[in-house]
Amino acid sequence: MTKIVLVIFSFLFIYQLSYSQIVAPVTLPDGWHKVQIQPGVYYDGEILEGRIEGKGIMIWADSSSYSGKWKTNMRHGKGTMKWKNGNTYMGKFKNDEMTKGTYLFANGDKYFGKYEDDKFHGKGKIFKKDGSVEVGVWEHGKKIE
């Protein structure tokens, strides 16, 4: 019985290894590169000291994309984020989060204002497709005034 368990364990171990890949990290030289970050995620832009740094475009597997400035592998500075649902944000990013800019909804509405944790936060305005304007103060995505 022990031999059977050992044989099964050995087979499973070898089987697992045959489908594993060992991928060593690759450090790219400074400059402009087109690279696949992971399956379905592509970056076309500047690399500095092995990091995404400067200007570049990232496209995710779901067809969402970001075009703009990067700092230490994060969206940082002016940029445009487009989601597959048709929504778009144009404005400033800090440490990979939206901070101040315009959010265009797929339905034609748009919000201009500040953000915290990628949610409307602080003073802002929503310009509705029908021409009306909603002015207010938001806190973590919810209008409070």
C-alpha atoms as a PDB file:
ATOM      1  CA  MET A   1       0.000   0.000   0.000  1.00  0.00           C
ATOM      2  CA  THR A   2       2.832   2.374   0.843  1.00  0.00           C
ATOM      3  CA  LYS A   3       4.394   1.734  -2.567  1.00  0.00           C
ATOM      4  CA  ILE A   4       1.119   2.576  -4.334  1.00  0.00           C
ATOM      5  CA  VAL A   5       0.779   5.858  -2.414  1.00  0.00           C
ATOM      6  CA  LEU A   6       4.421   6.714  -3.174  1.00  0.00           C
ATOM      7  CA  VAL A   7       3.952   5.947  -6.893  1.00  0.00           C
ATOM      8  CA  ILE A   8       0.771   8.064  -7.064  1.00  0.00           C
ATOM      9  CA  PHE A   9       2.442  10.938  -5.209  1.00  0.00           C
ATOM     10  CA  SER A  10       5.493  10.769  -7.499  1.00  0.00           C
ATOM     11  CA  PHE A  11       3.290  10.720 -10.596  1.00  0.00           C
ATOM     12  CA  LEU A  12       1.301  13.744  -9.417  1.00  0.00           C
ATOM     13  CA  PHE A  13       4.486  15.632  -8.550  1.00  0.00           C
ATOM     14  CA  ILE A  14       6.061  14.971 -11.964  1.00  0.00           C
ATOM     15  CA  TYR A  15       2.754  15.754 -13.719  1.00  0.00           C
ATOM     16  CA  GLN A  16       2.562  19.113 -11.930  1.00  0.00           C
ATOM     17  CA  LEU A  17       6.139  19.973 -12.874  1.00  0.00           C
ATOM     18  CA  SER A  18       5.487  19.207 -16.515  1.00  0.00           C
ATOM     19  CA  TYR A  19       2.837  21.961 -16.599  1.00  0.00           C
ATOM     20  CA  SER A  20       4.729  24.508 -14.535  1.00  0.00           C
ATOM     21  CA  GLN A  21       6.785  27.302 -15.946  1.00  0.00           C
ATOM     22  CA  ILE A  22       9.641  28.990 -14.234  1.00  0.00           C
ATOM     23  CA  VAL A  23       9.798  32.557 -15.418  1.00  0.00           C
ATOM     24  CA  ALA A  24      12.774  34.601 -14.342  1.00  0.00           C
ATOM     25  CA  PRO A  25      12.185  38.317 -13.933  1.00  0.00           C
ATOM     26  CA  VAL A  26      13.611  40.293 -16.814  1.00  0.00           C
ATOM     27  CA  THR A  27      15.056  43.750 -16.343  1.00  0.00           C
ATOM     28  CA  LEU A  28      14.674  45.792 -19.492  1.00  0.00           C
ATOM     29  CA  PRO A  29      17.169  48.501 -20.377  1.00  0.00           C
ATOM     30  CA  ASP A  30      16.026  52.099 -19.994  1.00  0.00           C
ATOM     31  CA  GLY A  31      14.007  53.311 -22.970  1.00  0.00           C
ATOM     32  CA  TRP A  32      10.768  52.756 -24.862  1.00  0.00           C
ATOM     33  CA  HIS A  33       9.451  49.187 -24.909  1.00  0.00           C
ATOM     34  CA  LYS A  34       6.408  47.190 -25.976  1.00  0.00           C
ATOM     35  CA  VAL A  35       5.947  44.375 -23.467  1.00  0.00           C
ATOM     36  CA  GLN A  36       3.390  41.885 -22.234  1.00  0.00           C
ATOM     37  CA  ILE A  37       3.098  42.428 -18.482  1.00  0.00           C
ATOM     38  CA  GLN A  38       0.971  39.319 -17.910  1.00  0.00           C
ATOM     39  CA  PRO A  39      -1.441  37.333 -20.094  1.00  0.00           C
ATOM     40  CA  GLY A  40      -3.701  39.849 -21.839  1.00  0.00           C
ATOM     41  CA  VAL A  41      -2.012  42.939 -20.355  1.00  0.00           C
ATOM     42  CA  TYR A  42       0.263  44.992 -22.600  1.00  0.00           C
ATOM     43  CA  TYR A  43       2.375  48.094 -22.001  1.00  0.00           C
ATOM     44  CA  ASP A  44       3.835  50.364 -24.668  1.00  0.00           C
ATOM     45  CA  GLY A  45       5.967  53.091 -23.148  1.00  0.00           C
ATOM     46  CA  GLU A  46       8.943  54.196 -21.142  1.00  0.00           C
ATOM     47  CA  ILE A  47      10.863  51.933 -18.776  1.00  0.00           C
ATOM     48  CA  LEU A  48      13.392  53.361 -16.309  1.00  0.00           C
ATOM     49  CA  GLU A  49      15.497  51.173 -14.017  1.00  0.00           C
ATOM     50  CA  GLY A  50      13.152  48.235 -14.646  1.00  0.00           C
ATOM     51  CA  ARG A  51      10.002  50.182 -13.731  1.00  0.00           C
ATOM     52  CA  ILE A  52       7.154  51.671 -15.744  1.00  0.00           C
ATOM     53  CA  GLU A  53       8.123  55.322 -15.547  1.00  0.00           C
ATOM     54  CA  GLY A  54       7.289  58.293 -17.796  1.00  0.00           C
ATOM     55  CA  LYS A  55       4.762  58.192 -20.631  1.00  0.00           C
ATOM     56  CA  GLY A  56       3.017  55.054 -21.756  1.00  0.00           C
ATOM     57  CA  ILE A  57      -0.123  53.135 -22.602  1.00  0.00           C
ATOM     58  CA  MET A  58      -1.386  50.027 -20.818  1.00  0.00           C
ATOM     59  CA  ILE A  59      -4.152  47.860 -22.246  1.00  0.00           C
ATOM     60  CA  TRP A  60      -5.852  45.223 -20.091  1.00  0.00           C
ATOM     61  CA  ALA A  61      -7.435  41.948 -21.221  1.00  0.00           C
ATOM     62  CA  ASP A  62     -10.962  43.400 -20.912  1.00  0.00           C
ATOM     63  CA  SER A  63      -9.936  46.202 -23.368  1.00  0.00           C
ATOM     64  CA  SER A  64      -9.760  48.881 -20.652  1.00  0.00           C
ATOM     65  CA  SER A  65      -6.785  51.188 -21.197  1.00  0.00           C
ATOM     66  CA  TYR A  66      -4.741  53.945 -19.601  1.00  0.00           C
ATOM     67  CA  SER A  67      -2.673  56.451 -21.538  1.00  0.00           C
ATOM     68  CA  GLY A  68      -0.569  58.988 -19.702  1.00  0.00           C
ATOM     69  CA  LYS A  69       2.141  59.456 -17.121  1.00  0.00           C
ATOM     70  CA  TRP A  70       3.498  56.702 -14.887  1.00  0.00           C
ATOM     71  CA  LYS A  71       5.675  56.740 -11.776  1.00  0.00           C
ATOM     72  CA  THR A  72       7.049  53.622 -10.110  1.00  0.00           C
ATOM     73  CA  ASN A  73       4.620  51.294 -11.965  1.00  0.00           C
ATOM     74  CA  MET A  74       1.587  53.434 -11.014  1.00  0.00           C
ATOM     75  CA  ARG A  75      -0.596  55.910 -12.891  1.00  0.00           C
ATOM     76  CA  HIS A  76       0.741  59.253 -11.702  1.00  0.00           C
ATOM     77  CA  GLY A  77       0.271  62.655 -13.371  1.00  0.00           C
ATOM     78  CA  LYS A  78      -2.023  63.524 -16.268  1.00  0.00           C
ATOM     79  CA  GLY A  79      -3.709  60.671 -18.039  1.00  0.00           C
ATOM     80  CA  THR A  80      -6.817  59.135 -19.554  1.00  0.00           C
ATOM     81  CA  MET A  81      -8.431  55.927 -18.311  1.00  0.00           C
ATOM     82  CA  LYS A  82     -11.022  54.208 -20.516  1.00  0.00           C
ATOM     83  CA  TRP A  83     -13.150  51.312 -19.311  1.00  0.00           C
ATOM     84  CA  LYS A  84     -14.819  48.668 -21.457  1.00  0.00           C
ATOM     85  CA  ASN A  85     -18.277  49.939 -20.371  1.00  0.00           C
ATOM     86  CA  GLY A  86     -17.640  53.201 -22.260  1.00  0.00           C
ATOM     87  CA  ASN A  87     -16.832  55.401 -19.253  1.00  0.00           C
ATOM     88  CA  THR A  88     -13.713  57.596 -19.456  1.00  0.00           C
ATOM     89  CA  TYR A  89     -11.738  59.631 -16.922  1.00  0.00           C
ATOM     90  CA  MET A  90      -9.409  62.428 -18.026  1.00  0.00           C
ATOM     91  CA  GLY A  91      -7.366  64.170 -15.390  1.00  0.00           C
ATOM     92  CA  LYS A  92      -4.739  63.774 -12.721  1.00  0.00           C
ATOM     93  CA  PHE A  93      -3.676  60.591 -10.975  1.00  0.00           C
ATOM     94  CA  LYS A  94      -1.591  60.221  -7.832  1.00  0.00           C
ATOM     95  CA  ASN A  95      -0.251  56.865  -6.681  1.00  0.00           C
ATOM     96  CA  ASP A  96      -2.563  55.010  -9.086  1.00  0.00           C
ATOM     97  CA  GLU A  97      -5.750  56.856  -8.011  1.00  0.00           C
ATOM     98  CA  MET A  98      -7.844  59.558  -9.684  1.00  0.00           C
ATOM     99  CA  THR A  99      -7.484  62.915  -7.887  1.00  0.00           C
ATOM    100  CA  LYS A 100      -9.001  65.711 -10.019  1.00  0.00           C
ATOM    101  CA  GLY A 101     -10.532  65.664 -13.459  1.00  0.00           C
ATOM    102  CA  THR A 102     -13.490  64.891 -15.678  1.00  0.00           C
ATOM    103  CA  TYR A 103     -15.373  61.599 -15.667  1.00  0.00           C
ATOM    104  CA  LEU A 104     -17.396  60.988 -18.832  1.00  0.00           C
ATOM    105  CA  PHE A 105     -20.194  58.461 -18.452  1.00  0.00           C
ATOM    106  CA  ALA A 106     -21.181  56.295 -21.411  1.00  0.00           C
ATOM    107  CA  ASN A 107     -24.723  57.757 -21.148  1.00  0.00           C
ATOM    108  CA  GLY A 108     -23.442  61.286 -21.947  1.00  0.00           C
ATOM    109  CA  ASP A 109     -23.347  62.716 -18.396  1.00  0.00           C
ATOM    110  CA  LYS A 110     -20.044  64.060 -17.070  1.00  0.00           C
ATOM    111  CA  TYR A 111     -18.642  64.880 -13.639  1.00  0.00           C
ATOM    112  CA  PHE A 112     -15.918  67.419 -12.991  1.00  0.00           C
ATOM    113  CA  GLY A 113     -14.327  67.617  -9.585  1.00  0.00           C
ATOM    114  CA  LYS A 114     -12.127  65.959  -7.025  1.00  0.00           C
ATOM    115  CA  TYR A 115     -11.754  62.311  -6.057  1.00  0.00           C
ATOM    116  CA  GLU A 116     -10.573  60.240  -3.140  1.00  0.00           C
ATOM    117  CA  ASP A 117     -10.034  56.486  -3.368  1.00  0.00           C
ATOM    118  CA  ASP A 118     -11.232  56.734  -7.008  1.00  0.00           C
ATOM    119  CA  LYS A 119     -14.652  58.062  -5.866  1.00  0.00           C
ATOM    120  CA  PHE A 120     -16.206  61.521  -6.196  1.00  0.00           C
ATOM    121  CA  HIS A 121     -15.068  63.431  -3.120  1.00  0.00           C
ATOM    122  CA  GLY A 122     -15.270  67.151  -2.399  1.00  0.00           C
ATOM    123  CA  LYS A 123     -16.774  69.880  -4.561  1.00  0.00           C
ATOM    124  CA  GLY A 124     -17.930  68.845  -7.991  1.00  0.00           C
ATOM    125  CA  LYS A 125     -20.431  69.282 -10.787  1.00  0.00           C
ATOM    126  CA  ILE A 126     -22.388  66.803 -12.848  1.00  0.00           C
ATOM    127  CA  PHE A 127     -23.373  68.018 -16.287  1.00  0.00           C
ATOM    128  CA  LYS A 128     -26.332  65.939 -17.418  1.00  0.00           C
ATOM    129  CA  LYS A 129     -26.993  64.895 -20.981  1.00  0.00           C
ATOM    130  CA  ASP A 130     -30.312  66.779 -20.827  1.00  0.00           C
ATOM    131  CA  GLY A 131     -28.458  70.071 -20.143  1.00  0.00           C
ATOM    132  CA  SER A 132     -29.094  70.304 -16.395  1.00  0.00           C
ATOM    133  CA  VAL A 133     -26.222  70.829 -13.966  1.00  0.00           C
ATOM    134  CA  GLU A 134     -25.953  69.340 -10.489  1.00  0.00           C
ATOM    135  CA  VAL A 135     -23.543  71.176  -8.172  1.00  0.00           C
ATOM    136  CA  GLY A 136     -22.634  69.706  -4.823  1.00  0.00           C
ATOM    137  CA  VAL A 137     -20.248  68.156  -2.380  1.00  0.00           C
ATOM    138  CA  TRP A 138     -19.542  64.436  -2.467  1.00  0.00           C
ATOM    139  CA  GLU A 139     -18.069  62.196   0.171  1.00  0.00           C
ATOM    140  CA  HIS A 140     -16.683  58.819  -0.886  1.00  0.00           C
ATOM    141  CA  GLY A 141     -18.932  58.754  -3.960  1.00  0.00           C
ATOM    142  CA  LYS A 142     -22.157  59.928  -2.283  1.00  0.00           C
ATOM    143  CA  LYS A 143     -23.578  63.433  -2.584  1.00  0.00           C
ATOM    144  CA  ILE A 144     -23.899  65.041   0.860  1.00  0.00           C
ATOM    145  CA  GLU A 145     -24.758  68.664  -0.127  1.00  0.00           C
END
